[in-house]
């Protein structure tokens, strides 16, 4: 009986072409999201221009609409990707390997550092709040994307309560909000705050001090 041997993809021009097209599509979408993130963060939804995003990427305006449907669709995809990125990194912190207080300290310090190093994320969140959450409300994945953030805090807090190092009665969502608020302000208001109070808030020394203070405030808030 003759056995049919499937030709390897490397020797099959049609298969190789399909693989290349699939890879290029993924790379193109990632490229679009990266450029669009900076564009929307800098200019907001109304000020951003699809023509400029297309000009700065390896694709065309037509392909942007093909992948994302509309300017608003691209903006929503940027928001979702921004949240997905921070939540993905959070899951790699290995907080379960630390005792509760050290785990909380690490999570708060990470949040501060990430927001400090990713100003575009802060700008996007500020812009979407100006829209009263109109576009995130249309997302089918945003709630699921942020489940790990609350789950991580719930787990740390529950371990701390069991170990009798954290007090009872703290709501994990409220704790998450407090962490976010303290870290967020340092980026969102850095320019106005520095001008009003003539302080050098952006120096490495000032940032280290501010981060340490925020970590300590949160830990003391939950400590028994």
N, C-alpha and C. Protein backbone atom coordinates (compact mmCIF):
# COMPACT_ATOMS: atom_id res chain seq x y z
N UNK A 1 0.85 -1.19 0.00
CA UNK A 1 0.00 0.00 0.00
C UNK A 1 0.89 1.25 0.00
N UNK A 2 0.54 2.18 -0.86
CA UNK A 2 1.31 3.41 -0.93
C UNK A 2 0.88 4.35 0.18
N UNK A 3 1.82 4.81 0.96
CA UNK A 3 1.54 5.74 2.06
C UNK A 3 1.70 7.17 1.59
N UNK A 4 0.68 7.98 1.88
CA UNK A 4 0.73 9.38 1.49
C UNK A 4 1.51 10.15 2.54
N UNK A 5 2.58 10.76 2.13
CA UNK A 5 3.40 11.53 3.04
C UNK A 5 3.12 13.01 2.84
N UNK A 6 2.70 13.67 3.93
CA UNK A 6 2.39 15.10 3.82
C UNK A 6 3.69 15.89 3.68
N UNK A 7 3.70 16.74 2.72
CA UNK A 7 4.89 17.54 2.46
C UNK A 7 5.12 18.53 3.58
N UNK A 8 6.32 18.65 4.12
CA UNK A 8 6.59 19.63 5.18
C UNK A 8 6.25 21.03 4.73
N UNK A 9 5.85 21.86 5.71
CA UNK A 9 5.43 23.22 5.37
C UNK A 9 6.53 23.98 4.67
N UNK A 10 7.79 23.67 5.07
CA UNK A 10 8.92 24.41 4.48
C UNK A 10 9.04 24.14 2.99
N UNK A 11 8.54 22.95 2.54
CA UNK A 11 8.63 22.59 1.12
C UNK A 11 7.31 22.84 0.39
N UNK A 12 6.31 23.28 1.12
CA UNK A 12 5.00 23.51 0.53
C UNK A 12 4.77 25.02 0.42
N UNK A 13 4.93 25.59 -0.76
CA UNK A 13 4.83 27.05 -0.92
C UNK A 13 3.51 27.62 -0.42
N UNK A 14 2.40 26.91 -0.66
CA UNK A 14 1.09 27.43 -0.24
C UNK A 14 1.00 27.49 1.28
N UNK A 15 1.46 26.41 1.95
CA UNK A 15 1.42 26.39 3.41
C UNK A 15 2.34 27.45 3.99
N UNK A 16 3.51 27.57 3.41
CA UNK A 16 4.46 28.57 3.90
C UNK A 16 3.90 29.97 3.74
N UNK A 17 3.20 30.19 2.62
CA UNK A 17 2.61 31.50 2.37
C UNK A 17 1.52 31.80 3.40
N UNK A 18 0.70 30.77 3.72
CA UNK A 18 -0.37 30.97 4.71
C UNK A 18 0.23 31.30 6.07
N UNK A 19 1.30 30.57 6.45
CA UNK A 19 1.94 30.83 7.74
C UNK A 19 2.51 32.24 7.79
N UNK A 20 3.11 32.66 6.70
CA UNK A 20 3.70 34.00 6.66
C UNK A 20 2.62 35.07 6.79
N UNK A 21 1.47 34.84 6.08
CA UNK A 21 0.39 35.81 6.17
C UNK A 21 -0.16 35.90 7.59
N UNK A 22 -0.31 34.73 8.27
CA UNK A 22 -0.81 34.72 9.64
C UNK A 22 0.15 35.45 10.57
N UNK A 23 1.44 35.19 10.40
CA UNK A 23 2.45 35.86 11.24
C UNK A 23 2.46 37.36 11.00
N UNK A 24 2.37 37.74 9.73
CA UNK A 24 2.36 39.16 9.41
C UNK A 24 1.13 39.86 9.98
N UNK A 25 -0.02 39.19 9.99
CA UNK A 25 -1.23 39.77 10.53
C UNK A 25 -1.07 40.03 12.02
N UNK A 26 -0.51 39.08 12.73
CA UNK A 26 -0.31 39.26 14.17
C UNK A 26 0.69 40.38 14.44
N UNK A 27 1.77 40.38 13.68
CA UNK A 27 2.77 41.43 13.86
C UNK A 27 2.22 42.79 13.51
N UNK A 28 1.41 42.85 12.46
CA UNK A 28 0.82 44.11 12.04
C UNK A 28 -0.13 44.66 13.10
N UNK A 29 -0.95 43.79 13.69
CA UNK A 29 -1.89 44.22 14.72
C UNK A 29 -1.16 44.71 15.96
N UNK A 30 -0.08 44.01 16.33
CA UNK A 30 0.71 44.44 17.49
C UNK A 30 1.35 45.80 17.23
N UNK A 31 1.83 45.98 16.01
CA UNK A 31 2.45 47.25 15.62
C UNK A 31 1.42 48.39 15.67
N UNK A 32 0.23 48.12 15.15
CA UNK A 32 -0.83 49.12 15.17
C UNK A 32 -1.19 49.50 16.60
N UNK A 33 -1.33 48.51 17.48
CA UNK A 33 -1.71 48.77 18.87
C UNK A 33 -0.64 49.60 19.58
N UNK A 34 0.62 49.30 19.31
CA UNK A 34 1.71 50.03 19.96
C UNK A 34 1.70 51.51 19.55
N UNK A 35 1.56 51.76 18.25
CA UNK A 35 1.55 53.14 17.76
C UNK A 35 0.27 53.85 18.20
N UNK A 36 -0.85 53.15 18.14
CA UNK A 36 -2.13 53.76 18.52
C UNK A 36 -2.16 54.09 20.01
N UNK A 37 -1.50 53.28 20.82
CA UNK A 37 -1.44 53.57 22.26
C UNK A 37 -0.83 54.93 22.51
N UNK A 38 0.30 55.18 21.87
CA UNK A 38 0.96 56.48 22.03
C UNK A 38 0.11 57.61 21.46
N UNK A 39 -0.54 57.37 20.33
CA UNK A 39 -1.35 58.40 19.68
C UNK A 39 -2.57 58.77 20.54
N UNK A 40 -3.29 57.77 21.03
CA UNK A 40 -4.47 58.05 21.84
C UNK A 40 -4.08 58.63 23.21
N UNK A 41 -2.97 58.17 23.77
CA UNK A 41 -2.53 58.68 25.06
C UNK A 41 -2.15 60.16 24.95
N UNK A 42 -1.54 60.52 23.85
CA UNK A 42 -1.08 61.90 23.66
C UNK A 42 -2.20 62.85 23.26
N UNK A 43 -3.13 62.37 22.41
CA UNK A 43 -4.11 63.28 21.81
C UNK A 43 -5.55 62.98 22.18
N UNK A 44 -5.78 61.86 22.85
CA UNK A 44 -7.15 61.49 23.17
C UNK A 44 -7.86 60.90 21.97
N UNK A 45 -9.07 60.44 22.18
CA UNK A 45 -9.82 59.83 21.09
C UNK A 45 -10.13 60.83 19.99
N UNK A 46 -10.57 62.02 20.35
CA UNK A 46 -10.98 63.00 19.33
C UNK A 46 -9.79 63.54 18.56
N UNK A 47 -8.63 63.68 19.20
CA UNK A 47 -7.48 64.27 18.53
C UNK A 47 -6.64 63.29 17.74
N UNK A 48 -6.72 62.02 18.06
CA UNK A 48 -5.93 61.01 17.35
C UNK A 48 -6.39 60.88 15.90
N UNK A 49 -5.45 60.55 15.02
CA UNK A 49 -5.76 60.43 13.60
C UNK A 49 -5.32 59.06 13.07
N UNK A 50 -6.26 58.37 12.44
CA UNK A 50 -5.95 57.06 11.87
C UNK A 50 -4.89 57.18 10.79
N UNK A 51 -4.92 58.26 10.01
CA UNK A 51 -3.92 58.47 8.97
C UNK A 51 -2.51 58.49 9.55
N UNK A 52 -2.34 59.14 10.69
CA UNK A 52 -1.02 59.22 11.31
C UNK A 52 -0.59 57.87 11.88
N UNK A 53 -1.55 57.14 12.44
CA UNK A 53 -1.24 55.80 12.95
C UNK A 53 -0.81 54.90 11.80
N UNK A 54 -1.53 54.97 10.69
CA UNK A 54 -1.19 54.14 9.53
C UNK A 54 0.18 54.51 8.98
N UNK A 55 0.48 55.79 8.94
CA UNK A 55 1.76 56.24 8.40
C UNK A 55 2.94 55.77 9.24
N UNK A 56 2.71 55.56 10.53
CA UNK A 56 3.79 55.17 11.43
C UNK A 56 3.90 53.67 11.63
N UNK A 57 3.05 52.91 10.93
CA UNK A 57 3.06 51.45 11.06
C UNK A 57 3.37 50.80 9.73
N UNK A 58 3.41 49.46 9.77
CA UNK A 58 3.71 48.69 8.56
C UNK A 58 2.45 48.31 7.80
N UNK A 59 1.40 49.11 7.96
CA UNK A 59 0.13 48.75 7.34
C UNK A 59 -0.52 49.99 6.74
N UNK A 60 -1.79 49.87 6.40
CA UNK A 60 -2.51 50.98 5.77
C UNK A 60 -3.76 51.30 6.58
N UNK A 61 -4.34 52.45 6.25
CA UNK A 61 -5.58 52.85 6.90
C UNK A 61 -6.67 51.81 6.66
N UNK A 62 -6.72 51.29 5.45
CA UNK A 62 -7.72 50.28 5.12
C UNK A 62 -7.57 49.04 5.99
N UNK A 63 -6.32 48.61 6.24
CA UNK A 63 -6.09 47.42 7.04
C UNK A 63 -6.41 47.68 8.52
N UNK A 64 -6.20 48.89 8.98
CA UNK A 64 -6.57 49.22 10.36
C UNK A 64 -8.07 49.05 10.55
N UNK A 65 -8.84 49.55 9.59
CA UNK A 65 -10.29 49.40 9.67
C UNK A 65 -10.70 47.93 9.51
N UNK A 66 -9.94 47.20 8.71
CA UNK A 66 -10.23 45.77 8.53
C UNK A 66 -10.07 45.03 9.86
N UNK A 67 -8.99 45.32 10.59
CA UNK A 67 -8.72 44.62 11.85
C UNK A 67 -9.60 45.10 13.00
N UNK A 68 -9.87 46.41 13.06
CA UNK A 68 -10.51 46.97 14.25
C UNK A 68 -11.88 47.60 14.00
N UNK A 69 -12.29 47.67 12.76
CA UNK A 69 -13.64 48.12 12.44
C UNK A 69 -13.81 49.62 12.32
N UNK A 70 -13.23 50.36 13.25
CA UNK A 70 -13.41 51.81 13.27
C UNK A 70 -12.35 52.42 14.17
N UNK A 71 -12.29 53.74 14.19
CA UNK A 71 -11.38 54.44 15.10
C UNK A 71 -11.72 54.11 16.55
N UNK A 72 -13.02 54.08 16.84
CA UNK A 72 -13.47 53.76 18.20
C UNK A 72 -13.14 52.32 18.56
N UNK A 73 -13.23 51.43 17.57
CA UNK A 73 -12.87 50.03 17.81
C UNK A 73 -11.40 49.88 18.13
N UNK A 74 -10.56 50.64 17.44
CA UNK A 74 -9.13 50.62 17.71
C UNK A 74 -8.84 51.19 19.10
N UNK A 75 -9.52 52.27 19.45
CA UNK A 75 -9.35 52.88 20.77
C UNK A 75 -9.71 51.90 21.88
N UNK A 76 -10.81 51.17 21.72
CA UNK A 76 -11.21 50.18 22.71
C UNK A 76 -10.19 49.06 22.80
N UNK A 77 -9.68 48.62 21.65
CA UNK A 77 -8.65 47.57 21.65
C UNK A 77 -7.39 48.02 22.38
N UNK A 78 -7.03 49.30 22.23
CA UNK A 78 -5.88 49.85 22.94
C UNK A 78 -6.12 49.82 24.45
N UNK A 79 -7.31 50.22 24.87
CA UNK A 79 -7.64 50.19 26.30
C UNK A 79 -7.55 48.77 26.85
N UNK A 80 -8.14 47.82 26.14
CA UNK A 80 -8.13 46.43 26.60
C UNK A 80 -6.71 45.89 26.67
N UNK A 81 -5.90 46.19 25.68
CA UNK A 81 -4.53 45.71 25.65
C UNK A 81 -3.72 46.34 26.79
N UNK A 82 -3.98 47.58 27.13
CA UNK A 82 -3.27 48.25 28.21
C UNK A 82 -3.56 47.59 29.55
N UNK A 83 -4.82 47.25 29.78
CA UNK A 83 -5.17 46.55 31.02
C UNK A 83 -4.65 45.12 31.01
N UNK A 84 -4.72 44.48 29.85
CA UNK A 84 -4.24 43.09 29.76
C UNK A 84 -2.77 43.01 30.11
N UNK A 85 -1.99 44.00 29.65
CA UNK A 85 -0.54 43.98 29.84
C UNK A 85 -0.17 44.06 31.32
N UNK A 86 -0.78 45.00 32.05
CA UNK A 86 -0.43 45.13 33.46
C UNK A 86 -0.90 43.94 34.27
N UNK A 87 -2.07 43.40 33.93
CA UNK A 87 -2.56 42.23 34.67
C UNK A 87 -1.71 41.00 34.39
N UNK A 88 -1.22 40.87 33.16
CA UNK A 88 -0.38 39.74 32.81
C UNK A 88 0.92 39.77 33.62
N UNK A 89 1.51 40.95 33.75
CA UNK A 89 2.75 41.08 34.51
C UNK A 89 2.50 40.81 35.99
N UNK A 90 1.36 41.28 36.50
CA UNK A 90 1.02 41.04 37.91
C UNK A 90 0.98 39.56 38.24
N UNK A 91 0.49 38.75 37.31
CA UNK A 91 0.39 37.32 37.57
C UNK A 91 1.75 36.64 37.63
N UNK A 92 2.81 37.33 37.21
CA UNK A 92 4.15 36.76 37.21
C UNK A 92 4.98 37.20 38.41
N UNK A 93 4.36 37.86 39.39
CA UNK A 93 5.09 38.36 40.54
C UNK A 93 5.39 37.28 41.59
N UNK A 94 4.71 36.12 41.46
CA UNK A 94 4.92 35.01 42.41
C UNK A 94 4.69 35.45 43.85
N UNK A 95 3.60 36.15 44.07
CA UNK A 95 3.29 36.67 45.41
C UNK A 95 2.99 35.55 46.40
N UNK A 96 2.53 34.42 45.89
CA UNK A 96 2.19 33.31 46.78
C UNK A 96 3.41 32.73 47.47
N UNK A 97 4.60 33.03 46.97
CA UNK A 97 5.83 32.52 47.57
C UNK A 97 6.30 33.37 48.75
N UNK A 98 5.63 34.52 48.99
CA UNK A 98 6.05 35.44 50.04
C UNK A 98 5.04 35.42 51.18
N UNK A 99 5.50 35.83 52.38
CA UNK A 99 4.54 35.96 53.47
C UNK A 99 3.62 37.14 53.15
N UNK A 100 2.44 37.21 53.79
CA UNK A 100 1.42 38.20 53.38
C UNK A 100 1.91 39.64 53.33
N UNK A 101 2.63 40.09 54.35
CA UNK A 101 3.05 41.50 54.35
C UNK A 101 4.06 41.77 53.25
N UNK A 102 5.02 40.87 53.04
CA UNK A 102 5.99 41.06 51.97
C UNK A 102 5.33 41.01 50.61
N UNK A 103 4.32 40.14 50.47
CA UNK A 103 3.59 40.05 49.20
C UNK A 103 2.86 41.35 48.91
N UNK A 104 2.24 41.93 49.93
CA UNK A 104 1.53 43.20 49.75
C UNK A 104 2.51 44.31 49.41
N UNK A 105 3.64 44.33 50.08
CA UNK A 105 4.65 45.35 49.79
C UNK A 105 5.13 45.23 48.34
N UNK A 106 5.34 44.01 47.89
CA UNK A 106 5.82 43.81 46.52
C UNK A 106 4.77 44.25 45.51
N UNK A 107 3.50 43.95 45.77
CA UNK A 107 2.43 44.33 44.86
C UNK A 107 2.29 45.84 44.76
N UNK A 108 2.34 46.52 45.89
CA UNK A 108 2.21 47.98 45.89
C UNK A 108 3.41 48.62 45.18
N UNK A 109 4.61 48.13 45.47
CA UNK A 109 5.81 48.68 44.83
C UNK A 109 5.77 48.45 43.32
N UNK A 110 5.29 47.27 42.91
CA UNK A 110 5.17 47.00 41.48
C UNK A 110 4.19 47.98 40.83
N UNK A 111 3.04 48.18 41.47
CA UNK A 111 2.03 49.09 40.92
C UNK A 111 2.61 50.49 40.75
N UNK A 112 3.34 50.96 41.75
CA UNK A 112 3.97 52.28 41.67
C UNK A 112 4.96 52.33 40.51
N UNK A 113 5.84 51.35 40.42
CA UNK A 113 6.87 51.35 39.38
C UNK A 113 6.26 51.23 37.99
N UNK A 114 5.25 50.37 37.84
CA UNK A 114 4.65 50.17 36.52
C UNK A 114 3.99 51.46 36.04
N UNK A 115 3.24 52.09 36.91
CA UNK A 115 2.56 53.32 36.50
C UNK A 115 3.56 54.44 36.25
N UNK A 116 4.63 54.47 37.02
CA UNK A 116 5.67 55.46 36.81
C UNK A 116 6.34 55.28 35.45
N UNK A 117 6.53 54.03 35.04
CA UNK A 117 7.23 53.73 33.79
C UNK A 117 6.31 53.67 32.58
N UNK A 118 5.01 53.75 32.81
CA UNK A 118 4.04 53.62 31.70
C UNK A 118 3.02 54.77 31.77
N UNK A 119 3.52 55.96 31.51
CA UNK A 119 2.65 57.14 31.58
C UNK A 119 1.51 57.07 30.57
N UNK A 120 1.73 56.41 29.44
CA UNK A 120 0.66 56.28 28.46
C UNK A 120 -0.56 55.58 29.06
N UNK A 121 -0.32 54.59 29.91
CA UNK A 121 -1.43 53.88 30.56
C UNK A 121 -2.25 54.85 31.41
N UNK A 122 -1.57 55.70 32.17
CA UNK A 122 -2.26 56.68 33.01
C UNK A 122 -3.06 57.65 32.15
N UNK A 123 -2.46 58.12 31.07
CA UNK A 123 -3.15 59.07 30.19
C UNK A 123 -4.39 58.44 29.56
N UNK A 124 -4.28 57.17 29.16
CA UNK A 124 -5.43 56.49 28.58
C UNK A 124 -6.57 56.36 29.58
N UNK A 125 -6.23 55.99 30.81
CA UNK A 125 -7.26 55.86 31.85
C UNK A 125 -7.91 57.21 32.13
N UNK A 126 -7.11 58.26 32.20
CA UNK A 126 -7.65 59.61 32.43
C UNK A 126 -8.58 60.01 31.29
N UNK A 127 -8.16 59.71 30.06
CA UNK A 127 -8.97 60.06 28.89
C UNK A 127 -10.30 59.31 28.90
N UNK A 128 -10.25 58.02 29.26
CA UNK A 128 -11.49 57.24 29.27
C UNK A 128 -12.42 57.70 30.39
N UNK A 129 -11.86 58.18 31.48
CA UNK A 129 -12.70 58.74 32.54
C UNK A 129 -13.37 60.02 32.07
N UNK A 130 -12.71 60.78 31.22
CA UNK A 130 -13.34 61.97 30.64
C UNK A 130 -14.53 61.58 29.78
N UNK A 131 -14.47 60.36 29.21
CA UNK A 131 -15.61 59.84 28.43
C UNK A 131 -16.60 59.10 29.32
N UNK A 132 -16.37 59.17 30.65
CA UNK A 132 -17.24 58.52 31.64
C UNK A 132 -17.32 57.00 31.44
N UNK A 133 -16.22 56.43 30.95
CA UNK A 133 -16.17 54.98 30.77
C UNK A 133 -17.02 54.47 29.62
N UNK A 134 -17.39 55.35 28.71
CA UNK A 134 -18.31 54.99 27.63
C UNK A 134 -17.81 53.84 26.77
N UNK A 135 -16.52 53.83 26.48
CA UNK A 135 -16.00 52.82 25.55
C UNK A 135 -15.63 51.52 26.28
N UNK A 136 -15.08 51.65 27.49
CA UNK A 136 -14.82 50.43 28.26
C UNK A 136 -16.11 49.68 28.58
N UNK A 137 -17.20 50.42 28.68
CA UNK A 137 -18.50 49.79 28.95
C UNK A 137 -18.91 48.86 27.81
N UNK A 138 -18.34 49.08 26.63
CA UNK A 138 -18.67 48.25 25.47
C UNK A 138 -17.80 47.00 25.38
N UNK A 139 -16.78 46.93 26.24
CA UNK A 139 -15.85 45.81 26.19
C UNK A 139 -16.50 44.53 26.74
N UNK A 140 -16.24 43.43 26.07
CA UNK A 140 -16.75 42.13 26.52
C UNK A 140 -15.73 41.40 27.38
N UNK A 141 -14.54 41.99 27.51
CA UNK A 141 -13.48 41.29 28.23
C UNK A 141 -12.91 42.06 29.42
N UNK A 142 -13.25 43.33 29.57
CA UNK A 142 -12.55 44.17 30.55
C UNK A 142 -12.75 43.67 31.98
N UNK A 143 -13.94 43.18 32.30
CA UNK A 143 -14.16 42.68 33.67
C UNK A 143 -13.33 41.43 33.93
N UNK A 144 -13.31 40.53 32.96
CA UNK A 144 -12.53 39.30 33.11
C UNK A 144 -11.04 39.61 33.17
N UNK A 145 -10.59 40.60 32.43
CA UNK A 145 -9.17 40.97 32.44
C UNK A 145 -8.72 41.42 33.82
N UNK A 146 -9.62 42.04 34.57
CA UNK A 146 -9.24 42.61 35.85
C UNK A 146 -9.57 41.72 37.05
N UNK A 147 -10.16 40.57 36.80
CA UNK A 147 -10.41 39.63 37.90
C UNK A 147 -9.12 39.26 38.63
N UNK A 148 -8.02 38.95 37.92
CA UNK A 148 -6.79 38.56 38.64
C UNK A 148 -6.27 39.62 39.61
N UNK A 149 -6.50 40.89 39.31
CA UNK A 149 -6.01 41.96 40.20
C UNK A 149 -6.69 41.87 41.56
N UNK A 150 -8.01 41.72 41.55
CA UNK A 150 -8.75 41.62 42.81
C UNK A 150 -8.47 40.28 43.48
N UNK A 151 -8.36 39.23 42.68
CA UNK A 151 -8.09 37.90 43.24
C UNK A 151 -6.76 37.89 43.97
N UNK A 152 -5.75 38.55 43.42
CA UNK A 152 -4.43 38.59 44.07
C UNK A 152 -4.51 39.28 45.41
N UNK A 153 -5.22 40.41 45.47
CA UNK A 153 -5.35 41.13 46.73
C UNK A 153 -6.18 40.34 47.72
N UNK A 154 -7.26 39.72 47.25
CA UNK A 154 -8.08 38.89 48.14
C UNK A 154 -7.25 37.79 48.78
N UNK A 155 -6.41 37.15 47.97
CA UNK A 155 -5.59 36.04 48.47
C UNK A 155 -4.57 36.52 49.49
N UNK A 156 -3.88 37.60 49.17
CA UNK A 156 -2.88 38.15 50.10
C UNK A 156 -3.55 38.55 51.41
N UNK A 157 -4.66 39.26 51.30
CA UNK A 157 -5.35 39.75 52.49
C UNK A 157 -5.87 38.59 53.35
N UNK A 158 -6.47 37.60 52.70
CA UNK A 158 -7.00 36.45 53.45
C UNK A 158 -5.87 35.71 54.17
N UNK A 159 -4.73 35.56 53.51
CA UNK A 159 -3.59 34.91 54.15
C UNK A 159 -3.11 35.72 55.35
N UNK A 160 -3.13 37.05 55.20
CA UNK A 160 -2.70 37.91 56.30
C UNK A 160 -3.63 37.85 57.49
N UNK A 161 -4.93 37.76 57.22
CA UNK A 161 -5.91 37.65 58.30
C UNK A 161 -5.73 36.32 59.03
N UNK A 162 -5.55 35.24 58.26
CA UNK A 162 -5.35 33.93 58.88
C UNK A 162 -4.07 33.90 59.72
N UNK A 163 -3.05 34.61 59.25
CA UNK A 163 -1.79 34.66 59.98
C UNK A 163 -1.82 35.67 61.13
N UNK A 164 -2.96 36.37 61.26
CA UNK A 164 -3.17 37.35 62.33
C UNK A 164 -2.20 38.53 62.26
N UNK A 165 -1.83 38.88 61.02
CA UNK A 165 -1.00 40.08 60.82
C UNK A 165 -1.82 41.20 60.20
N UNK A 166 -2.94 40.88 59.55
CA UNK A 166 -3.83 41.88 58.98
C UNK A 166 -5.13 41.90 59.78
N UNK A 167 -5.69 43.08 59.93
CA UNK A 167 -6.96 43.22 60.63
C UNK A 167 -8.12 42.78 59.75
N UNK A 168 -9.20 42.44 60.35
CA UNK A 168 -10.41 42.06 59.61
C UNK A 168 -11.17 43.30 59.17
N UNK A 169 -12.06 43.11 58.18
CA UNK A 169 -12.97 44.18 57.79
C UNK A 169 -12.53 45.05 56.64
N UNK A 170 -11.44 44.69 55.97
CA UNK A 170 -10.97 45.47 54.82
C UNK A 170 -11.51 44.84 53.53
N UNK A 171 -12.16 45.65 52.72
CA UNK A 171 -12.70 45.16 51.45
C UNK A 171 -11.59 45.14 50.40
N UNK A 172 -11.36 44.01 49.73
CA UNK A 172 -10.27 43.92 48.75
C UNK A 172 -10.39 44.91 47.60
N UNK A 173 -11.61 45.19 47.15
CA UNK A 173 -11.78 46.16 46.07
C UNK A 173 -11.40 47.55 46.55
N UNK A 174 -11.79 47.90 47.77
CA UNK A 174 -11.42 49.19 48.34
C UNK A 174 -9.91 49.29 48.52
N UNK A 175 -9.29 48.19 48.93
CA UNK A 175 -7.83 48.17 49.07
C UNK A 175 -7.16 48.38 47.72
N UNK A 176 -7.67 47.71 46.70
CA UNK A 176 -7.15 47.88 45.34
C UNK A 176 -7.29 49.34 44.88
N UNK A 177 -8.42 49.94 45.20
CA UNK A 177 -8.65 51.34 44.83
C UNK A 177 -7.66 52.26 45.53
N UNK A 178 -7.40 51.99 46.80
CA UNK A 178 -6.46 52.83 47.55
C UNK A 178 -5.05 52.74 46.97
N UNK A 179 -4.63 51.53 46.64
CA UNK A 179 -3.31 51.34 46.04
C UNK A 179 -3.23 52.08 44.70
N UNK A 180 -4.25 51.89 43.88
CA UNK A 180 -4.27 52.53 42.56
C UNK A 180 -4.27 54.05 42.68
N UNK A 181 -5.07 54.57 43.61
CA UNK A 181 -5.18 56.01 43.76
C UNK A 181 -3.86 56.65 44.16
N UNK A 182 -3.18 56.05 45.12
CA UNK A 182 -1.91 56.62 45.59
C UNK A 182 -0.84 56.58 44.50
N UNK A 183 -0.79 55.48 43.76
CA UNK A 183 0.22 55.35 42.70
C UNK A 183 -0.14 56.20 41.48
N UNK A 184 -1.43 56.25 41.17
CA UNK A 184 -1.92 56.98 40.01
C UNK A 184 -1.64 58.48 40.14
N UNK A 185 -1.89 59.04 41.32
CA UNK A 185 -1.74 60.48 41.53
C UNK A 185 -0.32 60.93 41.24
N UNK A 186 0.64 60.10 41.59
CA UNK A 186 2.04 60.47 41.43
C UNK A 186 2.41 60.73 39.97
N UNK A 187 1.70 60.08 39.05
CA UNK A 187 1.94 60.29 37.62
C UNK A 187 0.97 61.31 37.04
N UNK A 188 -0.31 61.16 37.37
CA UNK A 188 -1.34 62.02 36.77
C UNK A 188 -1.17 63.48 37.16
N UNK A 189 -0.66 63.75 38.35
CA UNK A 189 -0.58 65.12 38.84
C UNK A 189 0.84 65.62 39.02
N UNK A 190 1.79 64.91 38.46
CA UNK A 190 3.19 65.26 38.73
C UNK A 190 3.55 66.68 38.27
N UNK A 191 3.04 67.08 37.11
CA UNK A 191 3.43 68.38 36.55
C UNK A 191 2.82 69.53 37.35
N UNK A 192 1.52 69.47 37.59
CA UNK A 192 0.87 70.55 38.33
C UNK A 192 1.36 70.60 39.77
N UNK A 193 1.51 69.44 40.39
CA UNK A 193 1.95 69.40 41.79
C UNK A 193 3.36 69.97 41.92
N UNK A 194 4.23 69.62 40.99
CA UNK A 194 5.60 70.13 41.03
C UNK A 194 5.64 71.64 40.86
N UNK A 195 4.80 72.15 39.95
CA UNK A 195 4.78 73.58 39.71
C UNK A 195 4.21 74.35 40.91
N UNK A 196 3.14 73.83 41.48
CA UNK A 196 2.49 74.54 42.59
C UNK A 196 3.37 74.55 43.83
N UNK A 197 3.98 73.41 44.11
CA UNK A 197 4.77 73.29 45.33
C UNK A 197 6.27 73.32 45.08
N UNK A 198 6.65 73.65 43.85
CA UNK A 198 8.06 73.80 43.45
C UNK A 198 8.94 72.69 44.01
N UNK A 199 8.49 71.48 43.81
CA UNK A 199 9.28 70.34 44.29
C UNK A 199 9.79 69.51 43.13
N UNK A 200 10.94 68.88 43.33
CA UNK A 200 11.53 68.02 42.29
C UNK A 200 11.01 66.60 42.50
N UNK A 201 9.78 66.36 42.05
CA UNK A 201 9.13 65.08 42.32
C UNK A 201 9.63 63.96 41.41
N UNK A 202 10.32 64.30 40.35
CA UNK A 202 10.72 63.27 39.38
C UNK A 202 12.12 62.74 39.55
N UNK A 203 12.85 63.20 40.55
CA UNK A 203 14.21 62.71 40.75
C UNK A 203 14.17 61.28 41.29
N UNK A 204 15.18 60.48 40.99
CA UNK A 204 15.21 59.10 41.51
C UNK A 204 15.03 59.03 43.01
N UNK A 205 15.67 59.95 43.72
CA UNK A 205 15.57 59.96 45.19
C UNK A 205 14.14 60.24 45.65
N UNK A 206 13.50 61.22 45.01
CA UNK A 206 12.13 61.58 45.38
C UNK A 206 11.16 60.44 45.07
N UNK A 207 11.37 59.77 43.95
CA UNK A 207 10.51 58.66 43.57
C UNK A 207 10.65 57.49 44.53
N UNK A 208 11.88 57.19 44.94
CA UNK A 208 12.10 56.11 45.89
C UNK A 208 11.41 56.40 47.21
N UNK A 209 11.54 57.64 47.67
CA UNK A 209 10.91 58.04 48.93
C UNK A 209 9.39 57.94 48.83
N UNK A 210 8.85 58.43 47.72
CA UNK A 210 7.39 58.39 47.54
C UNK A 210 6.90 56.95 47.48
N UNK A 211 7.60 56.10 46.76
CA UNK A 211 7.20 54.70 46.67
C UNK A 211 7.23 54.04 48.05
N UNK A 212 8.30 54.27 48.80
CA UNK A 212 8.41 53.68 50.14
C UNK A 212 7.29 54.17 51.05
N UNK A 213 6.95 55.44 50.92
CA UNK A 213 5.87 55.99 51.75
C UNK A 213 4.52 55.36 51.42
N UNK A 214 4.26 55.18 50.13
CA UNK A 214 2.99 54.57 49.71
C UNK A 214 2.90 53.13 50.18
N UNK A 215 3.98 52.39 50.02
CA UNK A 215 4.01 51.01 50.50
C UNK A 215 3.72 50.96 52.00
N UNK A 216 4.37 51.83 52.74
CA UNK A 216 4.19 51.84 54.20
C UNK A 216 2.77 52.23 54.60
N UNK A 217 2.19 53.20 53.90
CA UNK A 217 0.82 53.61 54.20
C UNK A 217 -0.17 52.46 54.02
N UNK A 218 -0.02 51.73 52.92
CA UNK A 218 -0.94 50.63 52.64
C UNK A 218 -0.76 49.52 53.66
N UNK A 219 0.47 49.17 53.97
CA UNK A 219 0.73 48.10 54.95
C UNK A 219 0.18 48.47 56.32
N UNK A 220 0.40 49.71 56.74
CA UNK A 220 -0.10 50.12 58.05
C UNK A 220 -1.62 50.17 58.08
N UNK A 221 -2.23 50.45 56.92
CA UNK A 221 -3.69 50.48 56.84
C UNK A 221 -4.29 49.11 57.13
N UNK A 222 -3.66 48.04 56.66
CA UNK A 222 -4.23 46.70 56.84
C UNK A 222 -3.63 45.95 58.01
N UNK A 223 -2.52 46.44 58.53
CA UNK A 223 -1.84 45.70 59.60
C UNK A 223 -2.70 45.66 60.86
N UNK A 224 -2.67 44.56 61.56
CA UNK A 224 -3.48 44.37 62.76
C UNK A 224 -2.89 45.19 63.91
